[in-house]
Structure formats: structure tokens, C-alpha cells
């Protein structure tokens, strides 16, 4: 599915979010910057590398992005080469639930809008924990569900009714943009996701709501005892 929509993925992300996705990524990177400068970063489910590119503001030693979609990686690597960023960012094939890295390899492990797609979220988060250095930081940017009237009702109407139609029109994929709202509705957000991060071995877990609760930034740290 992700291979099929890779060519139009960036365009549709920006269109369907009215460009707010740029703001969300900047906010997420700012949260990381409050703890880390010059980190080694792993970007899980990197897609076309937008979060990895945004993370250059941290002046990282290096960023490694992984994804299971070869077409997404091709689009991302093309974008990185065009911007002359190949020395700072590598995008490679990889499975989020079986990360191809040694223990204690990174200072920061991050993922934007990808945890929903893990077949085993606990295993994926546990793998992120494993590859982090002692006291390393995990940052997850993910969709959530607003709970205040009338914003909740307006959001649900757009997300469930209009977004799939617009997505299908531009991507010509009948499945992908119906999958998106379905996956968000089923995602265990807010306190439930924080509890999942704690189960994966993270401590000092917190979250920050964005744009009325449409998205959330979750952070947690690897225990120094691990």
C-alpha cells in the first residue's frame, strides 16, 4: 500500500493536513532539542524522510532512517540527494520490530505517524528502547483524537468523510486513505499509549497535545538500569 502511494505521499500529507504537518514536525524536533544537541538519531518508519530532514536543526552527528517500503525510501533518498544531504542522512530498508542495529547505538529514536502501522507496537517500542544509549530519548509524533465539542465533531466529519475521498482522488488508491482514519480511530492514544511506552521500558513518559488534540508528541527515556 505504501509503495503504491509513495509518489504522491508528500503532496497528500501537506494537502490533507492543510500544511500543519510541517508545524507538527518542527514542534516535535523542538521538544527533542530541549534535551539533546548533536545526537545520533534513528528515524523509524521514516517514509520519505521528512522528519529526518527536520531533525537537521539538531545538528546531529548522523541520522539513520529505516522503512519497510522500498518506494518510500526511493522517494526520500531522491529528495535527500537533491538537497545535498547525503552526508548527514542515510535511509535504508529495515523492520521497526526487528531493528538491524546493536544495543546502545543511538541517542534519540524517533518516529512520526508510523507507530500506528506497527503490527506489534510493544515490540516496536521495545526495539527502539534497546538500540538507545543509557538515558537515550524516544520521541513519537502520532495522530490522536480531539475530545472537545465542537472541534471533535468537525474533525471526525473531515477525517472520516472528506479525507478518504480527497486521498483516493489524488492517489488513485482506494485503500490507503480509508486505512488512515481507521488506523487513527483504533490507535490507543494519550494515557493508553503512554502506558505502552512504560511497558516497553521507558520512564519519565509524557505527552504534549497539538492543534486541539489532533496530534500528540510523546517522549520517554531509557532507564539507566537497562
Protein backbone atom coordinates (compact mmCIF):
# COMPACT_ATOMS: atom_id res chain seq x y z
CA UNK A 1 0.00 0.00 0.00
CA UNK A 2 2.75 2.48 0.94
CA UNK A 3 4.75 1.58 -2.17
CA UNK A 4 1.65 2.38 -4.22
CA UNK A 5 1.16 5.88 -2.78
CA UNK A 6 4.83 6.85 -2.42
CA UNK A 7 4.90 9.14 -5.46
CA UNK A 8 2.10 11.37 -4.13
CA UNK A 9 2.74 10.83 -0.42
CA UNK A 10 4.39 14.16 0.45
CA UNK A 11 1.92 16.16 -1.61
CA UNK A 12 -1.08 14.48 0.02
CA UNK A 13 0.35 14.82 3.53
CA UNK A 14 0.62 18.57 3.09
CA UNK A 15 -2.72 18.91 1.28
CA UNK A 16 -4.80 16.81 3.67
CA UNK A 17 -3.32 18.46 6.78
CA UNK A 18 -3.54 21.98 5.26
CA UNK A 19 0.23 22.18 5.76
CA UNK A 20 0.01 21.75 9.54
CA UNK A 21 2.18 18.63 9.36
CA UNK A 22 5.22 20.91 8.86
CA UNK A 23 4.38 22.68 12.12
CA UNK A 24 3.92 19.38 13.97
CA UNK A 25 7.34 18.12 12.90
CA UNK A 26 9.02 21.38 13.90
CA UNK A 27 7.36 21.20 17.32
CA UNK A 28 8.48 17.59 17.72
CA UNK A 29 12.09 18.44 16.89
CA UNK A 30 11.97 21.41 19.26
CA UNK A 31 10.94 19.04 22.07
CA UNK A 32 13.97 16.85 21.31
CA UNK A 33 16.23 19.92 21.19
CA UNK A 34 15.39 20.70 24.81
CA UNK A 35 17.33 17.56 25.81
CA UNK A 36 19.81 16.82 23.01
CA UNK A 37 22.29 18.61 20.81
CA UNK A 38 24.45 16.80 18.20
CA UNK A 39 22.79 13.41 18.75
CA UNK A 40 22.98 10.19 16.79
CA UNK A 41 19.40 9.73 15.60
CA UNK A 42 17.34 6.78 14.43
CA UNK A 43 14.18 7.70 12.50
CA UNK A 44 11.88 4.68 12.50
CA UNK A 45 9.26 4.30 9.73
CA UNK A 46 10.94 7.27 8.08
CA UNK A 47 8.79 7.18 4.93
CA UNK A 48 10.17 9.82 2.59
CA UNK A 49 12.39 11.29 5.30
CA UNK A 50 10.53 14.48 6.24
CA UNK A 51 11.13 14.09 9.98
CA UNK A 52 14.79 13.18 9.39
CA UNK A 53 15.24 16.35 7.34
CA UNK A 54 13.52 18.44 10.01
CA UNK A 55 15.87 16.92 12.62
CA UNK A 56 18.87 18.54 10.93
CA UNK A 57 18.09 21.54 13.13
CA UNK A 58 19.60 19.48 15.98
CA UNK A 59 22.96 19.48 14.18
CA UNK A 60 23.12 15.70 14.57
CA UNK A 61 26.24 13.58 14.21
CA UNK A 62 24.20 11.45 11.81
CA UNK A 63 20.61 10.40 11.10
CA UNK A 64 19.66 6.89 10.02
CA UNK A 65 16.13 6.38 8.73
CA UNK A 66 14.54 2.97 8.18
CA UNK A 67 11.35 1.88 6.46
CA UNK A 68 9.91 -1.31 5.01
CA UNK A 69 8.60 0.46 1.89
CA UNK A 70 11.22 0.49 -0.84
CA UNK A 71 9.32 3.05 -2.92
CA UNK A 72 9.08 5.42 0.05
CA UNK A 73 12.83 5.10 0.57
CA UNK A 74 13.49 5.77 -3.11
CA UNK A 75 11.43 8.98 -2.92
CA UNK A 76 13.16 10.01 0.29
CA UNK A 77 16.67 9.33 -0.98
CA UNK A 78 15.93 11.30 -4.15
CA UNK A 79 14.84 14.25 -2.01
CA UNK A 80 17.94 13.96 0.20
CA UNK A 81 20.32 13.82 -2.78
CA UNK A 82 18.61 16.82 -4.37
CA UNK A 83 19.18 18.84 -1.18
CA UNK A 84 22.78 17.70 -0.83
CA UNK A 85 22.13 15.96 2.49
CA UNK A 86 23.54 12.51 1.74
CA UNK A 87 26.44 13.01 4.15
CA UNK A 88 24.08 13.58 7.08
CA UNK A 89 21.13 11.25 6.41
CA UNK A 90 21.00 7.61 5.34
CA UNK A 91 17.67 5.98 4.51
CA UNK A 92 17.83 2.18 4.45
CA UNK A 93 15.40 -0.76 4.43
CA UNK A 94 14.51 -2.01 7.90
CA UNK A 95 11.75 -3.51 10.02
CA UNK A 96 10.71 -1.45 13.04
CA UNK A 97 10.06 -4.59 15.07
CA UNK A 98 13.46 -6.13 14.30
CA UNK A 99 15.82 -3.18 14.12
CA UNK A 100 19.11 -4.07 12.38
CA UNK A 101 21.28 -2.26 14.93
CA UNK A 102 23.27 -3.18 18.02
CA UNK A 103 22.19 -2.26 21.54
CA UNK A 104 23.02 1.29 22.67
CA UNK A 105 23.61 2.64 19.15
CA UNK A 106 21.64 5.93 19.23
CA UNK A 107 20.96 8.91 21.46
CA UNK A 108 17.49 9.55 20.03
CA UNK A 109 14.97 7.18 18.44
CA UNK A 110 12.02 8.93 16.84
CA UNK A 111 9.01 8.08 14.72
CA UNK A 112 6.35 10.27 13.11
CA UNK A 113 2.97 8.87 12.15
CA UNK A 114 4.36 5.36 11.97
CA UNK A 115 3.64 3.66 15.30
CA UNK A 116 0.02 3.12 14.20
CA UNK A 117 1.34 0.87 11.46
CA UNK A 118 3.45 -1.39 13.68
CA UNK A 119 1.92 -4.87 13.70
CA UNK A 120 3.21 -5.23 17.29
CA UNK A 121 3.50 -1.79 18.88
CA UNK A 122 5.01 -3.04 22.12
CA UNK A 123 7.72 -4.92 20.26
CA UNK A 124 8.48 -1.92 18.06
CA UNK A 125 8.77 0.41 21.05
CA UNK A 126 10.87 -2.17 22.91
CA UNK A 127 13.24 -2.32 19.94
CA UNK A 128 13.55 1.47 19.97
CA UNK A 129 14.39 1.21 23.67
CA UNK A 130 17.00 -1.50 23.03
CA UNK A 131 19.01 0.48 20.48
CA UNK A 132 19.10 3.64 22.61
CA UNK A 133 22.07 4.58 24.75
CA UNK A 134 21.61 4.80 28.50
CA UNK A 135 19.19 7.66 29.22
CA UNK A 136 18.52 7.92 25.48
CA UNK A 137 15.30 9.59 24.35
CA UNK A 138 12.36 8.25 22.37
CA UNK A 139 10.07 10.73 20.61
CA UNK A 140 6.83 9.66 18.97
CA UNK A 141 4.70 12.05 16.91
CA UNK A 142 1.33 10.49 16.22
CA UNK A 143 -2.27 11.30 15.42
CA UNK A 144 -4.74 11.35 18.28
CA UNK A 145 -8.42 12.13 18.73
CA UNK A 146 -9.65 15.54 19.93
CA UNK A 147 -12.26 15.41 22.68
CA UNK A 148 -13.74 18.92 22.85
CA UNK A 149 -17.03 19.99 21.27
CA UNK A 150 -17.46 21.16 18.51
CA UNK A 151 -13.88 20.62 17.28
CA UNK A 152 -14.19 16.87 17.78
CA UNK A 153 -17.31 16.66 15.60
CA UNK A 154 -15.83 18.84 12.82
CA UNK A 155 -12.61 16.83 12.87
CA UNK A 156 -14.42 13.50 12.72
CA UNK A 157 -16.55 14.64 9.77
CA UNK A 158 -13.49 15.75 7.81
CA UNK A 159 -11.33 12.80 8.79
CA UNK A 160 -13.89 10.06 8.15
CA UNK A 161 -15.82 11.57 5.24
CA UNK A 162 -13.84 14.10 3.23
CA UNK A 163 -10.24 12.94 3.71
CA UNK A 164 -10.73 9.44 2.18
CA UNK A 165 -12.44 10.96 -0.88
CA UNK A 166 -9.68 13.54 -1.46
CA UNK A 167 -7.00 10.92 -0.81
CA UNK A 168 -8.48 8.47 -3.30
CA UNK A 169 -8.90 11.22 -5.91
CA UNK A 170 -5.23 12.22 -5.88
CA UNK A 171 -3.55 8.91 -5.01
CA UNK A 172 -5.86 6.68 -7.08
CA UNK A 173 -5.61 4.14 -4.27
CA UNK A 174 -8.97 3.09 -2.84
CA UNK A 175 -7.50 1.52 0.31
CA UNK A 176 -4.77 3.82 1.66
CA UNK A 177 -6.82 6.86 2.64
CA UNK A 178 -9.61 4.80 4.14
CA UNK A 179 -6.97 2.92 6.13
CA UNK A 180 -5.63 6.19 7.56
CA UNK A 181 -8.75 7.27 9.53
CA UNK A 182 -9.47 3.68 10.53
CA UNK A 183 -5.98 3.26 11.97
CA UNK A 184 -6.25 6.54 13.88
CA UNK A 185 -9.60 5.61 15.38
CA UNK A 186 -8.18 2.29 16.61
CA UNK A 187 -4.94 3.76 17.97
CA UNK A 188 -4.55 3.74 21.81
CA UNK A 189 -3.69 7.41 22.23
CA UNK A 190 -2.90 9.68 25.18
CA UNK A 191 -2.65 7.85 28.54
CA UNK A 192 -3.01 4.40 26.94
CA UNK A 193 -0.06 4.98 24.65
CA UNK A 194 2.00 6.41 27.49
CA UNK A 195 1.32 3.20 29.43
CA UNK A 196 2.51 1.22 26.40
CA UNK A 197 5.76 3.19 26.33
CA UNK A 198 6.27 2.44 30.00
CA UNK A 199 5.69 -1.26 29.31
CA UNK A 200 8.43 -1.04 26.65
CA UNK A 201 10.91 0.15 29.29
CA UNK A 202 10.67 3.95 29.10
CA UNK A 203 10.45 6.18 32.16
CA UNK A 204 9.52 9.84 32.67
CA UNK A 205 6.99 9.42 29.87
CA UNK A 206 4.98 12.49 28.93
CA UNK A 207 2.86 13.83 26.10
CA UNK A 208 2.04 17.18 24.55
CA UNK A 209 -1.16 17.75 22.54
CA UNK A 210 -1.03 19.71 19.30
CA UNK A 211 -3.75 21.55 17.35
CA UNK A 212 -6.60 20.77 19.71
CA UNK A 213 -5.52 17.17 20.18
CA UNK A 214 -5.32 16.14 16.50
CA UNK A 215 -1.74 15.04 17.12
CA UNK A 216 0.44 14.32 20.14
CA UNK A 217 4.16 14.34 20.88
CA UNK A 218 5.12 11.53 23.26
CA UNK A 219 8.52 11.37 24.90
CA UNK A 220 10.23 8.89 27.18
CA UNK A 221 13.72 7.98 28.31
CA UNK A 222 15.60 4.72 28.54
CA UNK A 223 16.17 3.66 32.11
CA UNK A 224 19.82 3.96 33.20
CA UNK A 225 19.48 0.42 34.63
CA UNK A 226 18.87 -1.14 31.21
